[in-house]
Structure formats: C-alpha cells, structure tokens
N, C-alpha and C. Protein backbone atom coordinates (compact mmCIF):
# COMPACT_ATOMS: atom_id res chain seq x y z
N MET A 1 107.66 108.63 76.87
CA MET A 1 106.73 107.53 77.05
C MET A 1 107.13 106.66 78.23
N HIS A 2 108.42 106.34 78.30
CA HIS A 2 108.90 105.41 79.34
C HIS A 2 109.50 106.24 80.47
N THR A 3 108.68 106.53 81.48
CA THR A 3 109.08 107.47 82.53
C THR A 3 108.80 106.90 83.92
N ALA A 4 109.47 107.47 84.90
CA ALA A 4 109.25 107.13 86.29
C ALA A 4 109.20 108.40 87.11
N THR A 5 108.23 108.49 88.01
CA THR A 5 108.12 109.62 88.92
C THR A 5 107.99 109.09 90.35
N LEU A 6 108.48 109.85 91.29
CA LEU A 6 108.48 109.41 92.68
C LEU A 6 107.08 109.52 93.29
N ASP A 7 106.61 108.41 93.88
CA ASP A 7 105.39 108.44 94.70
C ASP A 7 105.74 108.93 96.10
N TRP A 8 106.67 108.25 96.73
CA TRP A 8 107.12 108.61 98.08
C TRP A 8 108.44 107.91 98.39
N VAL A 9 109.13 108.42 99.36
CA VAL A 9 110.35 107.79 99.87
C VAL A 9 110.36 108.01 101.38
N THR A 10 110.92 107.10 102.13
CA THR A 10 111.02 107.24 103.58
C THR A 10 111.63 108.60 103.94
N PRO A 11 110.96 109.39 104.77
CA PRO A 11 111.51 110.69 105.15
C PRO A 11 112.89 110.54 105.81
N GLU A 12 113.81 111.43 105.43
CA GLU A 12 115.18 111.40 105.95
C GLU A 12 115.76 109.98 105.86
N ALA A 13 115.61 109.38 104.70
CA ALA A 13 115.94 107.97 104.52
C ALA A 13 117.37 107.64 104.93
N GLU A 14 118.33 108.47 104.52
CA GLU A 14 119.73 108.16 104.85
C GLU A 14 119.98 108.24 106.35
N ARG A 15 119.35 109.20 106.98
CA ARG A 15 119.51 109.32 108.44
C ARG A 15 118.90 108.10 109.15
N VAL A 16 117.75 107.66 108.67
CA VAL A 16 117.10 106.47 109.23
C VAL A 16 118.00 105.25 109.06
N ILE A 17 118.54 105.08 107.85
CA ILE A 17 119.42 103.95 107.57
C ILE A 17 120.64 103.96 108.48
N ALA A 18 121.25 105.13 108.65
CA ALA A 18 122.44 105.24 109.49
C ALA A 18 122.11 104.95 110.95
N ARG A 19 120.99 105.46 111.42
CA ARG A 19 120.60 105.23 112.81
C ARG A 19 120.40 103.74 113.07
N HIS A 20 119.74 103.06 112.15
CA HIS A 20 119.50 101.64 112.33
C HIS A 20 120.78 100.83 112.19
N ALA A 21 121.70 101.32 111.37
CA ALA A 21 122.99 100.63 111.23
C ALA A 21 123.79 100.69 112.53
N ARG A 22 123.50 101.70 113.35
CA ARG A 22 124.21 101.88 114.63
C ARG A 22 123.41 101.32 115.80
N VAL A 23 122.57 100.36 115.52
CA VAL A 23 121.68 99.83 116.55
C VAL A 23 122.44 99.29 117.76
N SER A 24 123.69 98.85 117.55
CA SER A 24 124.46 98.26 118.64
C SER A 24 125.38 99.26 119.34
N THR A 25 125.26 100.54 119.00
CA THR A 25 126.13 101.55 119.59
C THR A 25 125.39 102.36 120.66
N THR A 26 126.17 103.12 121.44
CA THR A 26 125.57 103.95 122.48
C THR A 26 125.01 105.25 121.92
N ASN A 27 125.43 105.62 120.70
CA ASN A 27 124.98 106.88 120.11
C ASN A 27 124.50 106.66 118.68
N PRO A 28 123.33 106.01 118.50
CA PRO A 28 122.83 105.73 117.16
C PRO A 28 122.45 106.98 116.37
N ASP A 29 122.24 108.09 117.08
CA ASP A 29 121.83 109.33 116.42
C ASP A 29 123.01 110.24 116.09
N LYS A 30 124.18 109.70 116.05
CA LYS A 30 125.36 110.48 115.70
C LYS A 30 125.15 111.21 114.38
N GLU A 31 125.50 112.50 114.37
CA GLU A 31 125.16 113.36 113.23
C GLU A 31 125.83 112.92 111.93
N GLU A 32 127.11 112.58 111.99
CA GLU A 32 127.86 112.23 110.77
C GLU A 32 127.60 110.77 110.41
N TYR A 33 127.28 110.54 109.13
CA TYR A 33 127.04 109.16 108.72
C TYR A 33 127.56 108.86 107.31
N LYS A 34 128.17 109.81 106.66
CA LYS A 34 128.65 109.59 105.29
C LYS A 34 129.68 108.46 105.24
N LYS A 35 130.65 108.47 106.16
CA LYS A 35 131.68 107.43 106.16
C LYS A 35 131.08 106.07 106.48
N LEU A 36 130.12 106.04 107.39
CA LEU A 36 129.48 104.78 107.77
C LEU A 36 128.78 104.15 106.57
N ILE A 37 127.97 104.92 105.86
CA ILE A 37 127.22 104.40 104.71
C ILE A 37 128.18 103.97 103.61
N ALA A 38 129.20 104.77 103.33
CA ALA A 38 130.16 104.42 102.30
C ALA A 38 130.88 103.12 102.66
N TYR A 39 131.24 102.97 103.91
CA TYR A 39 131.92 101.74 104.36
C TYR A 39 131.02 100.51 104.14
N CYS A 40 129.77 100.63 104.53
CA CYS A 40 128.84 99.50 104.39
C CYS A 40 128.65 99.11 102.93
N ILE A 41 128.53 100.10 102.06
CA ILE A 41 128.33 99.82 100.64
C ILE A 41 129.59 99.20 100.04
N HIS A 42 130.73 99.73 100.36
CA HIS A 42 131.98 99.23 99.78
C HIS A 42 132.32 97.82 100.27
N HIS A 43 131.75 97.42 101.41
CA HIS A 43 132.02 96.09 101.94
C HIS A 43 130.82 95.16 101.82
N GLY A 44 129.80 95.59 101.08
CA GLY A 44 128.67 94.71 100.79
C GLY A 44 127.73 94.46 101.94
N HIS A 45 127.67 95.36 102.90
CA HIS A 45 126.73 95.21 104.01
C HIS A 45 125.38 95.82 103.62
N TRP A 46 124.65 95.12 102.74
CA TRP A 46 123.47 95.68 102.10
C TRP A 46 122.24 95.74 103.01
N SER A 47 122.22 94.95 104.08
CA SER A 47 120.99 94.85 104.87
C SER A 47 120.56 96.19 105.46
N ILE A 48 121.50 97.09 105.70
CA ILE A 48 121.11 98.39 106.29
C ILE A 48 120.20 99.16 105.33
N LEU A 49 120.33 98.92 104.03
CA LEU A 49 119.51 99.65 103.05
C LEU A 49 118.09 99.13 102.98
N GLU A 50 117.79 98.08 103.73
CA GLU A 50 116.42 97.58 103.81
C GLU A 50 115.60 98.34 104.84
N GLN A 51 116.23 99.28 105.54
CA GLN A 51 115.55 100.03 106.59
C GLN A 51 114.81 101.26 106.08
N ALA A 52 114.86 101.47 104.76
CA ALA A 52 114.11 102.56 104.13
C ALA A 52 113.57 102.05 102.80
N ALA A 53 112.56 102.72 102.30
CA ALA A 53 111.89 102.24 101.08
C ALA A 53 111.43 103.41 100.23
N ALA A 54 110.98 103.09 99.02
CA ALA A 54 110.46 104.10 98.10
C ALA A 54 109.45 103.46 97.16
N SER A 55 108.67 104.30 96.51
CA SER A 55 107.71 103.83 95.51
C SER A 55 107.74 104.79 94.32
N PHE A 56 107.64 104.22 93.12
CA PHE A 56 107.66 105.01 91.89
C PHE A 56 106.46 104.66 91.02
N GLU A 57 105.91 105.68 90.37
CA GLU A 57 104.90 105.45 89.33
C GLU A 57 105.63 105.39 87.99
N ILE A 58 105.36 104.35 87.25
CA ILE A 58 106.02 104.13 85.96
C ILE A 58 104.99 104.12 84.85
N VAL A 59 105.24 104.86 83.80
CA VAL A 59 104.42 104.83 82.59
C VAL A 59 105.26 104.21 81.49
N THR A 60 104.75 103.13 80.91
CA THR A 60 105.49 102.42 79.88
C THR A 60 104.49 101.68 78.99
N THR A 61 104.94 100.61 78.36
CA THR A 61 104.05 99.80 77.52
C THR A 61 104.02 98.37 78.02
N ARG A 62 103.07 97.61 77.47
CA ARG A 62 102.97 96.20 77.84
C ARG A 62 104.15 95.38 77.33
N ALA A 63 104.93 95.92 76.45
CA ALA A 63 106.14 95.24 75.99
C ALA A 63 107.24 95.31 77.03
N ILE A 64 107.26 96.41 77.82
CA ILE A 64 108.33 96.64 78.78
C ILE A 64 107.93 96.24 80.20
N SER A 65 106.67 96.39 80.57
CA SER A 65 106.29 96.11 81.96
C SER A 65 106.63 94.68 82.42
N PRO A 66 106.54 93.64 81.57
CA PRO A 66 106.93 92.31 82.05
C PRO A 66 108.41 92.23 82.43
N GLN A 67 109.25 93.02 81.77
CA GLN A 67 110.67 93.03 82.12
C GLN A 67 110.87 93.59 83.53
N ILE A 68 110.07 94.59 83.89
CA ILE A 68 110.16 95.20 85.22
C ILE A 68 109.59 94.25 86.27
N LEU A 69 108.48 93.61 85.96
CA LEU A 69 107.81 92.72 86.91
C LEU A 69 108.65 91.49 87.27
N ARG A 70 109.67 91.20 86.47
CA ARG A 70 110.56 90.07 86.77
C ARG A 70 111.40 90.32 88.02
N HIS A 71 111.50 91.57 88.46
CA HIS A 71 112.30 91.90 89.63
C HIS A 71 111.47 91.63 90.88
N ARG A 72 111.60 90.42 91.39
CA ARG A 72 110.65 89.89 92.37
C ARG A 72 110.81 90.44 93.78
N SER A 73 111.83 91.22 94.04
CA SER A 73 111.98 91.78 95.38
C SER A 73 111.08 93.00 95.59
N PHE A 74 110.42 93.45 94.52
CA PHE A 74 109.51 94.60 94.61
C PHE A 74 108.06 94.15 94.74
N SER A 75 107.22 95.09 95.15
CA SER A 75 105.77 94.90 95.11
C SER A 75 105.21 95.81 94.03
N PHE A 76 104.23 95.30 93.27
CA PHE A 76 103.71 96.03 92.12
C PHE A 76 102.19 96.13 92.14
N GLN A 77 101.71 97.22 91.55
CA GLN A 77 100.31 97.35 91.18
C GLN A 77 100.29 97.90 89.76
N GLU A 78 99.63 97.19 88.84
CA GLU A 78 99.60 97.62 87.45
C GLU A 78 98.17 97.83 86.98
N LEU A 79 98.01 98.81 86.11
CA LEU A 79 96.72 99.08 85.48
C LEU A 79 96.13 97.78 84.92
N SER A 80 94.85 97.55 85.20
CA SER A 80 94.19 96.33 84.73
C SER A 80 93.36 96.61 83.48
N GLN A 81 93.64 95.89 82.42
CA GLN A 81 92.85 96.02 81.20
C GLN A 81 91.52 95.30 81.30
N ARG A 82 91.28 94.61 82.40
CA ARG A 82 89.97 93.99 82.63
C ARG A 82 88.92 95.05 83.00
N TYR A 83 89.38 96.14 83.62
CA TYR A 83 88.47 97.17 84.12
C TYR A 83 88.59 98.50 83.40
N THR A 84 89.68 98.67 82.66
CA THR A 84 89.97 99.99 82.11
C THR A 84 90.34 99.91 80.64
N ASN A 85 89.82 100.86 79.88
CA ASN A 85 90.28 101.05 78.51
C ASN A 85 91.59 101.82 78.60
N PRO A 86 92.73 101.19 78.31
CA PRO A 86 94.01 101.88 78.50
C PRO A 86 94.17 103.13 77.68
N TRP A 87 93.50 103.21 76.55
CA TRP A 87 93.62 104.39 75.70
C TRP A 87 92.94 105.60 76.35
N GLU A 88 91.90 105.35 77.17
CA GLU A 88 91.22 106.45 77.86
C GLU A 88 92.12 107.04 78.96
N ILE A 89 92.90 106.19 79.60
CA ILE A 89 93.77 106.64 80.69
C ILE A 89 94.76 107.68 80.19
N PHE A 90 95.24 107.51 78.96
CA PHE A 90 96.30 108.37 78.44
C PHE A 90 95.81 109.33 77.35
N GLN A 91 94.50 109.49 77.19
CA GLN A 91 94.00 110.28 76.08
C GLN A 91 94.32 111.76 76.21
N ASP A 92 94.54 112.25 77.42
CA ASP A 92 94.84 113.67 77.61
C ASP A 92 96.34 113.97 77.62
N SER A 93 97.15 112.95 77.39
CA SER A 93 98.59 113.16 77.40
C SER A 93 99.12 113.19 75.97
N HIS A 94 100.41 113.39 75.87
CA HIS A 94 101.05 113.42 74.55
C HIS A 94 101.65 112.06 74.19
N VAL A 95 101.22 111.02 74.92
CA VAL A 95 101.75 109.69 74.68
C VAL A 95 101.27 109.17 73.32
N ARG A 96 102.19 108.75 72.49
CA ARG A 96 101.88 108.15 71.19
C ARG A 96 102.63 106.82 71.10
N PRO A 97 102.11 105.79 71.77
CA PRO A 97 102.85 104.53 71.90
C PRO A 97 103.20 103.86 70.58
N HIS A 98 102.36 104.06 69.54
CA HIS A 98 102.63 103.39 68.28
C HIS A 98 103.85 103.98 67.54
N GLU A 99 104.38 105.07 68.06
CA GLU A 99 105.57 105.66 67.46
C GLU A 99 106.84 105.18 68.17
N PHE A 100 106.82 103.91 68.54
CA PHE A 100 107.96 103.33 69.24
C PHE A 100 109.19 103.28 68.32
N SER A 101 110.35 103.22 68.93
CA SER A 101 111.61 103.20 68.19
C SER A 101 111.74 101.92 67.37
N LEU A 102 112.28 102.07 66.16
CA LEU A 102 112.58 100.92 65.30
C LEU A 102 114.10 100.90 65.06
N ARG A 103 114.77 99.97 65.72
CA ARG A 103 116.22 99.89 65.67
C ARG A 103 116.67 98.59 64.99
N GLN A 104 117.88 98.61 64.50
CA GLN A 104 118.46 97.43 63.88
C GLN A 104 118.90 96.42 64.94
N GLN A 105 118.74 95.14 64.62
CA GLN A 105 119.25 94.10 65.50
C GLN A 105 120.76 94.07 65.41
N ALA A 106 121.44 94.05 66.57
CA ALA A 106 122.89 93.94 66.58
C ALA A 106 123.30 92.57 66.05
N GLU A 107 124.41 92.51 65.34
CA GLU A 107 124.85 91.27 64.72
C GLU A 107 125.39 90.27 65.74
N LYS A 108 126.05 90.74 66.78
CA LYS A 108 126.71 89.84 67.72
C LYS A 108 126.00 89.71 69.06
N ASN A 109 125.13 90.63 69.37
CA ASN A 109 124.46 90.61 70.68
C ASN A 109 122.96 90.70 70.48
N ARG A 110 122.26 89.61 70.70
CA ARG A 110 120.82 89.60 70.46
C ARG A 110 120.05 90.48 71.43
N GLN A 111 120.70 90.91 72.53
CA GLN A 111 120.05 91.78 73.49
C GLN A 111 120.26 93.25 73.17
N SER A 112 120.98 93.53 72.12
CA SER A 112 121.38 94.91 71.87
C SER A 112 120.75 95.45 70.59
N SER A 113 120.30 96.69 70.64
CA SER A 113 119.83 97.41 69.46
C SER A 113 119.94 98.90 69.76
N THR A 114 120.80 99.58 69.03
CA THR A 114 121.04 101.00 69.31
C THR A 114 120.90 101.87 68.08
N ILE A 115 120.97 101.28 66.88
CA ILE A 115 121.00 102.07 65.65
C ILE A 115 119.63 102.03 64.98
N GLU A 116 119.09 103.20 64.66
CA GLU A 116 117.80 103.28 63.99
C GLU A 116 117.88 102.69 62.58
N LEU A 117 116.74 102.20 62.10
CA LEU A 117 116.67 101.70 60.73
C LEU A 117 116.95 102.82 59.74
N GLN A 118 117.35 102.44 58.54
CA GLN A 118 117.54 103.43 57.48
C GLN A 118 116.22 104.13 57.21
N TYR A 119 116.31 105.39 56.79
CA TYR A 119 115.13 106.25 56.67
C TYR A 119 114.04 105.63 55.80
N GLU A 120 114.42 105.07 54.64
CA GLU A 120 113.42 104.53 53.72
C GLU A 120 112.64 103.38 54.37
N LEU A 121 113.36 102.47 55.02
CA LEU A 121 112.70 101.37 55.71
C LEU A 121 111.83 101.89 56.85
N LEU A 122 112.37 102.83 57.60
CA LEU A 122 111.67 103.39 58.76
C LEU A 122 110.33 104.00 58.35
N GLU A 123 110.34 104.81 57.32
CA GLU A 123 109.11 105.48 56.87
C GLU A 123 108.08 104.48 56.38
N GLY A 124 108.53 103.44 55.68
CA GLY A 124 107.61 102.42 55.19
C GLY A 124 106.93 101.67 56.32
N PHE A 125 107.70 101.29 57.33
CA PHE A 125 107.13 100.58 58.46
C PHE A 125 106.25 101.49 59.31
N ARG A 126 106.64 102.76 59.44
CA ARG A 126 105.83 103.71 60.21
C ARG A 126 104.42 103.81 59.62
N LYS A 127 104.32 103.88 58.30
CA LYS A 127 103.02 103.98 57.65
C LYS A 127 102.18 102.74 57.94
N ARG A 128 102.77 101.57 57.85
CA ARG A 128 102.03 100.34 58.08
C ARG A 128 101.62 100.20 59.55
N ILE A 129 102.50 100.63 60.46
CA ILE A 129 102.16 100.59 61.89
C ILE A 129 101.02 101.55 62.20
N TYR A 130 101.05 102.72 61.60
CA TYR A 130 99.98 103.71 61.79
C TYR A 130 98.64 103.14 61.34
N ASP A 131 98.63 102.49 60.18
CA ASP A 131 97.39 101.89 59.67
C ASP A 131 96.90 100.79 60.61
N LEU A 132 97.83 99.95 61.05
CA LEU A 132 97.47 98.86 61.96
C LEU A 132 96.93 99.40 63.27
N ASP A 133 97.52 100.48 63.76
CA ASP A 133 97.08 101.09 65.01
C ASP A 133 95.64 101.57 64.90
N ASN A 134 95.31 102.24 63.81
CA ASN A 134 93.94 102.72 63.61
C ASN A 134 92.94 101.56 63.55
N ILE A 135 93.31 100.52 62.82
CA ILE A 135 92.42 99.36 62.69
C ILE A 135 92.19 98.68 64.04
N THR A 136 93.29 98.50 64.80
CA THR A 136 93.20 97.81 66.09
C THR A 136 92.36 98.59 67.09
N LYS A 137 92.61 99.90 67.17
CA LYS A 137 91.84 100.72 68.11
C LYS A 137 90.36 100.74 67.75
N GLN A 138 90.06 100.84 66.47
CA GLN A 138 88.66 100.88 66.05
C GLN A 138 87.99 99.55 66.35
N LEU A 139 88.66 98.44 66.10
CA LEU A 139 88.09 97.13 66.39
C LEU A 139 87.84 96.98 67.88
N TYR A 140 88.78 97.41 68.69
CA TYR A 140 88.63 97.34 70.15
C TYR A 140 87.43 98.15 70.61
N GLU A 141 87.30 99.36 70.11
CA GLU A 141 86.17 100.21 70.49
C GLU A 141 84.84 99.59 70.02
N ASP A 142 84.82 99.03 68.81
CA ASP A 142 83.61 98.40 68.30
C ASP A 142 83.21 97.21 69.15
N MET A 143 84.16 96.44 69.61
CA MET A 143 83.89 95.28 70.46
C MET A 143 83.29 95.71 71.79
N LEU A 144 83.87 96.76 72.40
CA LEU A 144 83.33 97.25 73.66
C LEU A 144 81.92 97.78 73.48
N GLU A 145 81.69 98.52 72.40
CA GLU A 145 80.37 99.09 72.13
C GLU A 145 79.33 98.00 71.91
N ALA A 146 79.77 96.87 71.38
CA ALA A 146 78.86 95.75 71.13
C ALA A 146 78.62 94.91 72.37
N GLY A 147 79.30 95.25 73.47
CA GLY A 147 79.06 94.55 74.72
C GLY A 147 80.09 93.49 75.06
N VAL A 148 81.16 93.39 74.29
CA VAL A 148 82.21 92.42 74.60
C VAL A 148 82.94 92.88 75.88
N ALA A 149 83.17 91.95 76.78
CA ALA A 149 83.85 92.28 78.03
C ALA A 149 85.27 92.75 77.76
N ARG A 150 85.72 93.73 78.55
CA ARG A 150 87.08 94.23 78.37
C ARG A 150 88.11 93.12 78.53
N GLU A 151 87.84 92.17 79.45
CA GLU A 151 88.80 91.10 79.67
C GLU A 151 88.94 90.19 78.45
N CYS A 152 87.97 90.23 77.56
CA CYS A 152 88.05 89.47 76.31
C CYS A 152 88.60 90.34 75.18
N ALA A 153 88.10 91.58 75.10
CA ALA A 153 88.51 92.47 74.01
C ALA A 153 89.99 92.81 74.09
N ARG A 154 90.56 92.78 75.28
CA ARG A 154 91.98 93.15 75.44
C ARG A 154 92.92 92.19 74.71
N ASN A 155 92.42 91.03 74.34
CA ASN A 155 93.28 90.06 73.65
C ASN A 155 93.81 90.56 72.31
N ILE A 156 93.18 91.56 71.74
CA ILE A 156 93.64 92.06 70.43
C ILE A 156 94.59 93.24 70.58
N LEU A 157 94.79 93.72 71.81
CA LEU A 157 95.63 94.90 72.00
C LEU A 157 97.11 94.56 71.77
N PRO A 158 97.85 95.45 71.12
CA PRO A 158 99.27 95.20 70.82
C PRO A 158 100.15 95.42 72.05
N LEU A 159 101.39 94.95 71.97
CA LEU A 159 102.32 95.09 73.08
C LEU A 159 102.71 96.55 73.33
N TYR A 160 102.50 97.43 72.36
CA TYR A 160 102.83 98.84 72.61
C TYR A 160 101.68 99.58 73.32
N THR A 161 100.64 98.84 73.72
CA THR A 161 99.55 99.46 74.49
C THR A 161 100.12 100.08 75.77
N PRO A 162 99.78 101.33 76.09
CA PRO A 162 100.34 101.97 77.29
C PRO A 162 99.82 101.34 78.57
N THR A 163 100.64 101.40 79.59
CA THR A 163 100.25 100.91 80.91
C THR A 163 100.88 101.78 81.98
N ARG A 164 100.37 101.65 83.17
CA ARG A 164 100.89 102.40 84.31
C ARG A 164 101.01 101.44 85.49
N LEU A 165 102.11 101.51 86.20
CA LEU A 165 102.26 100.65 87.37
C LEU A 165 103.01 101.37 88.47
N HIS A 166 102.81 100.89 89.69
CA HIS A 166 103.53 101.41 90.85
C HIS A 166 104.47 100.33 91.35
N MET A 167 105.71 100.73 91.60
CA MET A 167 106.80 99.82 91.95
C MET A 167 107.33 100.24 93.32
N GLN A 168 107.14 99.38 94.32
CA GLN A 168 107.53 99.73 95.68
C GLN A 168 108.53 98.71 96.20
N GLY A 169 109.58 99.20 96.86
CA GLY A 169 110.58 98.29 97.41
C GLY A 169 111.54 99.00 98.33
N THR A 170 112.42 98.23 98.93
CA THR A 170 113.43 98.82 99.82
C THR A 170 114.48 99.54 98.99
N ILE A 171 115.22 100.40 99.64
CA ILE A 171 116.32 101.09 98.96
C ILE A 171 117.35 100.07 98.47
N ARG A 172 117.54 99.01 99.21
CA ARG A 172 118.44 97.95 98.75
C ARG A 172 118.00 97.41 97.39
N SER A 173 116.72 97.15 97.23
CA SER A 173 116.22 96.63 95.95
C SER A 173 116.43 97.62 94.83
N PHE A 174 116.16 98.91 95.09
CA PHE A 174 116.34 99.92 94.05
C PHE A 174 117.82 100.11 93.69
N VAL A 175 118.69 99.98 94.68
CA VAL A 175 120.13 100.08 94.42
C VAL A 175 120.56 99.05 93.39
N HIS A 176 120.12 97.82 93.56
CA HIS A 176 120.54 96.76 92.64
C HIS A 176 119.78 96.82 91.32
N TYR A 177 118.55 97.30 91.35
CA TYR A 177 117.78 97.44 90.11
C TYR A 177 118.43 98.48 89.19
N VAL A 178 118.72 99.65 89.73
CA VAL A 178 119.35 100.71 88.93
C VAL A 178 120.76 100.29 88.52
N GLY A 179 121.48 99.64 89.41
CA GLY A 179 122.82 99.20 89.09
C GLY A 179 122.86 98.25 87.92
N LEU A 180 121.85 97.38 87.82
CA LEU A 180 121.79 96.41 86.73
C LEU A 180 121.13 96.98 85.48
N ARG A 181 119.93 97.53 85.64
CA ARG A 181 119.15 97.96 84.48
C ARG A 181 119.57 99.33 83.94
N GLY A 182 120.45 100.01 84.63
CA GLY A 182 120.99 101.26 84.11
C GLY A 182 122.15 101.05 83.16
N GLN A 183 122.53 99.80 82.94
CA GLN A 183 123.66 99.49 82.07
C GLN A 183 123.22 99.39 80.61
N PRO A 184 124.14 99.61 79.67
CA PRO A 184 123.79 99.67 78.25
C PRO A 184 123.23 98.39 77.66
N ASP A 185 123.46 97.23 78.29
CA ASP A 185 122.95 95.99 77.71
C ASP A 185 121.48 95.75 78.04
N THR A 186 120.86 96.64 78.80
CA THR A 186 119.42 96.60 79.03
C THR A 186 118.70 97.23 77.85
N GLN A 187 117.52 96.72 77.51
CA GLN A 187 116.77 97.32 76.39
C GLN A 187 116.60 98.82 76.65
N LEU A 188 116.77 99.61 75.60
CA LEU A 188 116.81 101.07 75.72
C LEU A 188 115.63 101.63 76.52
N GLU A 189 114.42 101.18 76.21
CA GLU A 189 113.23 101.72 76.88
C GLU A 189 113.21 101.38 78.37
N HIS A 190 113.62 100.17 78.70
CA HIS A 190 113.70 99.78 80.11
C HIS A 190 114.81 100.57 80.82
N ARG A 191 115.91 100.76 80.13
CA ARG A 191 117.02 101.52 80.71
C ARG A 191 116.61 102.96 81.00
N GLN A 192 115.78 103.55 80.15
CA GLN A 192 115.31 104.91 80.38
C GLN A 192 114.57 105.01 81.71
N ILE A 193 113.79 103.99 82.01
CA ILE A 193 113.04 103.97 83.28
C ILE A 193 114.01 103.84 84.45
N ALA A 194 114.96 102.90 84.35
CA ALA A 194 115.91 102.69 85.44
C ALA A 194 116.74 103.95 85.70
N LEU A 195 117.17 104.63 84.64
CA LEU A 195 117.95 105.84 84.82
C LEU A 195 117.11 106.98 85.37
N SER A 196 115.82 107.01 85.03
CA SER A 196 114.92 108.02 85.61
C SER A 196 114.82 107.81 87.12
N ILE A 197 114.68 106.55 87.54
CA ILE A 197 114.64 106.24 88.97
C ILE A 197 115.96 106.62 89.62
N GLY A 198 117.07 106.30 88.95
CA GLY A 198 118.38 106.62 89.49
C GLY A 198 118.57 108.11 89.70
N ARG A 199 118.15 108.92 88.73
CA ARG A 199 118.30 110.38 88.85
C ARG A 199 117.52 110.91 90.05
N ILE A 200 116.35 110.37 90.27
CA ILE A 200 115.54 110.81 91.42
C ILE A 200 116.21 110.40 92.72
N LEU A 201 116.74 109.18 92.77
CA LEU A 201 117.38 108.70 93.99
C LEU A 201 118.68 109.45 94.27
N VAL A 202 119.36 109.92 93.23
CA VAL A 202 120.55 110.75 93.44
C VAL A 202 120.19 111.99 94.24
N ASP A 203 119.04 112.59 93.94
CA ASP A 203 118.59 113.78 94.67
C ASP A 203 118.14 113.43 96.08
N GLN A 204 117.45 112.29 96.21
CA GLN A 204 116.89 111.89 97.50
C GLN A 204 117.94 111.27 98.43
N LEU A 205 118.92 110.60 97.86
CA LEU A 205 119.91 109.85 98.64
C LEU A 205 121.33 110.19 98.16
N PRO A 206 121.78 111.41 98.35
CA PRO A 206 123.07 111.84 97.79
C PRO A 206 124.27 111.08 98.33
N VAL A 207 124.26 110.74 99.60
CA VAL A 207 125.39 110.03 100.20
C VAL A 207 125.48 108.61 99.65
N ILE A 208 124.35 107.92 99.62
CA ILE A 208 124.31 106.56 99.10
C ILE A 208 124.70 106.54 97.62
N SER A 209 124.15 107.48 96.86
CA SER A 209 124.41 107.53 95.42
C SER A 209 125.88 107.77 95.12
N GLU A 210 126.51 108.65 95.89
CA GLU A 210 127.93 108.92 95.66
C GLU A 210 128.77 107.67 95.91
N ALA A 211 128.46 106.96 96.98
CA ALA A 211 129.20 105.73 97.29
C ALA A 211 128.99 104.68 96.21
N LEU A 212 127.78 104.58 95.68
CA LEU A 212 127.48 103.60 94.64
C LEU A 212 128.20 103.93 93.34
N SER A 213 128.30 105.21 93.02
CA SER A 213 128.96 105.62 91.78
C SER A 213 130.45 105.32 91.81
N GLU A 214 131.02 105.16 93.00
CA GLU A 214 132.44 104.87 93.15
C GLU A 214 132.73 103.38 93.31
N SER A 215 131.67 102.58 93.36
CA SER A 215 131.84 101.14 93.57
C SER A 215 132.45 100.47 92.34
N GLU A 216 133.28 99.45 92.58
CA GLU A 216 133.87 98.68 91.49
C GLU A 216 133.07 97.41 91.20
N ASP A 217 131.98 97.22 91.91
CA ASP A 217 131.11 96.07 91.69
C ASP A 217 130.44 96.21 90.33
N LYS A 218 130.67 95.25 89.43
CA LYS A 218 130.15 95.35 88.06
C LYS A 218 128.63 95.31 88.03
N SER A 219 128.00 94.67 89.01
CA SER A 219 126.54 94.61 89.04
C SER A 219 125.92 95.96 89.39
N LEU A 220 126.74 96.90 89.83
CA LEU A 220 126.27 98.25 90.19
C LEU A 220 126.70 99.29 89.17
N ALA A 221 127.17 98.85 88.01
CA ALA A 221 127.76 99.77 87.03
C ALA A 221 126.79 100.83 86.55
N GLY A 222 125.49 100.58 86.64
CA GLY A 222 124.51 101.59 86.23
C GLY A 222 124.63 102.89 86.99
N TRP A 223 125.18 102.84 88.21
CA TRP A 223 125.31 104.06 89.01
C TRP A 223 126.47 104.95 88.56
N LYS A 224 127.38 104.41 87.77
CA LYS A 224 128.50 105.22 87.29
C LYS A 224 128.05 106.33 86.36
N TYR A 225 126.85 106.20 85.79
CA TYR A 225 126.35 107.22 84.87
C TYR A 225 125.87 108.47 85.60
N PHE A 226 125.91 108.45 86.94
CA PHE A 226 125.47 109.61 87.70
C PHE A 226 126.64 110.33 88.35
N ARG A 227 127.85 110.01 87.96
CA ARG A 227 129.01 110.69 88.53
C ARG A 227 129.03 112.16 88.12
C-alpha cells in the first residue's frame, strides 16, 4: 500500500554533480569522481547535491501523506478529492486500505509502535473496521449520486482513504529525507516509503549511496540500512 516508484532522475546525475563540483578547475569533466563525492559528503559540502534532482510517485493514505508534505524542501502534487473519487483511482489495484496495521502503543515512546495487537483484539477490531468501511463508502457514493459536490462529500472519508502524490526535489533533499525517515523511530508506513525511495536511489546513485552508508552523521542513519 505504501510504495514509491521513480518518475525520473537527472540523467547521469552523479557525473553532473561531480562536474559542477569542479566548476573552479581546469578539468571539470575528469572521469574519476568517487573520491570527490565521498569527500564532499564526509565534510558536509551538501550544495553540490543540489545540482541534480529526482521525482517519485507515492501511493499511500491520507493518514501518512501529511507527514510527507511537512518536508518543505520538496515540491508536491497530490490527488485532489475535490475532483476525483479516490476509490475509483485504485479500484483496479489490490489496495485494501482499510486493512491497515493495528499495533500496540509503546509504553515509553509515543512515536513508536512495532508489535501487533493480540489476535483476539485484532480480529474484533478488524470486523468493526470492515463494517465501518462498507457504511462509509456507501454513504459517500449515495451523496455523490444525490448531487452532493465531491468537495463536500469528502468530509466523511476516513484517514485510511488512499491517495497518490508526486514528490520532486534535489538529491540533497532526498539524501536528508531518507537519512531521517529511514530510521526506526519514523512511523512504520512512512518509513516503508522512505526506504523504497532509498533502495531506488542506491541503484541510481551508487557512489553517493555508498558514501552516505558510511557516514557517522546520526541524521543520515537511515542510509546504514542499505549497506
């Protein structure tokens, strides 16, 4: 349910970044650049990573998308419930948003939840959520059929309603996003998205990713999961 796929990335992004980093040299097109990029990352010279960019399509829910939208260095476009019935967008997929995870609240960390509820509790709540889902969807459809504007009818939609958004930013922004949101203290569903983006960037930017995975900067700890 909570996935990210690549829209596009700057062609030969690492080569572009290295060339621009050598703007003051006589040979900016020097073939070798692994040491240069690693040096810049290890010494916090982040501006060179602003010379390339990427965009990702994210499928998630309205409960998670506000967490992503808080990252203000990116540009976003999100599915509008004013114009679209969100259930129609995903009707041909296997997305079942109402089957979201039900985990126990951690006793000491209010941001943490990793353990599923006991089976008896889980099954009881699943049944009630399923009933609520049917009632809500039917009410929404009845409102639209009666002529209620989507921008009004959407007020009854639950936070697990599916959504789709495009997230575009510089490689610098994605480096810090994955570094932060790839860590275990991020909500599980949001972390799944960040790690999906990270896995794609590992393939697209192998030199940068390797240097990030070796960094001792705690704000970049999410990259250690790709070693």
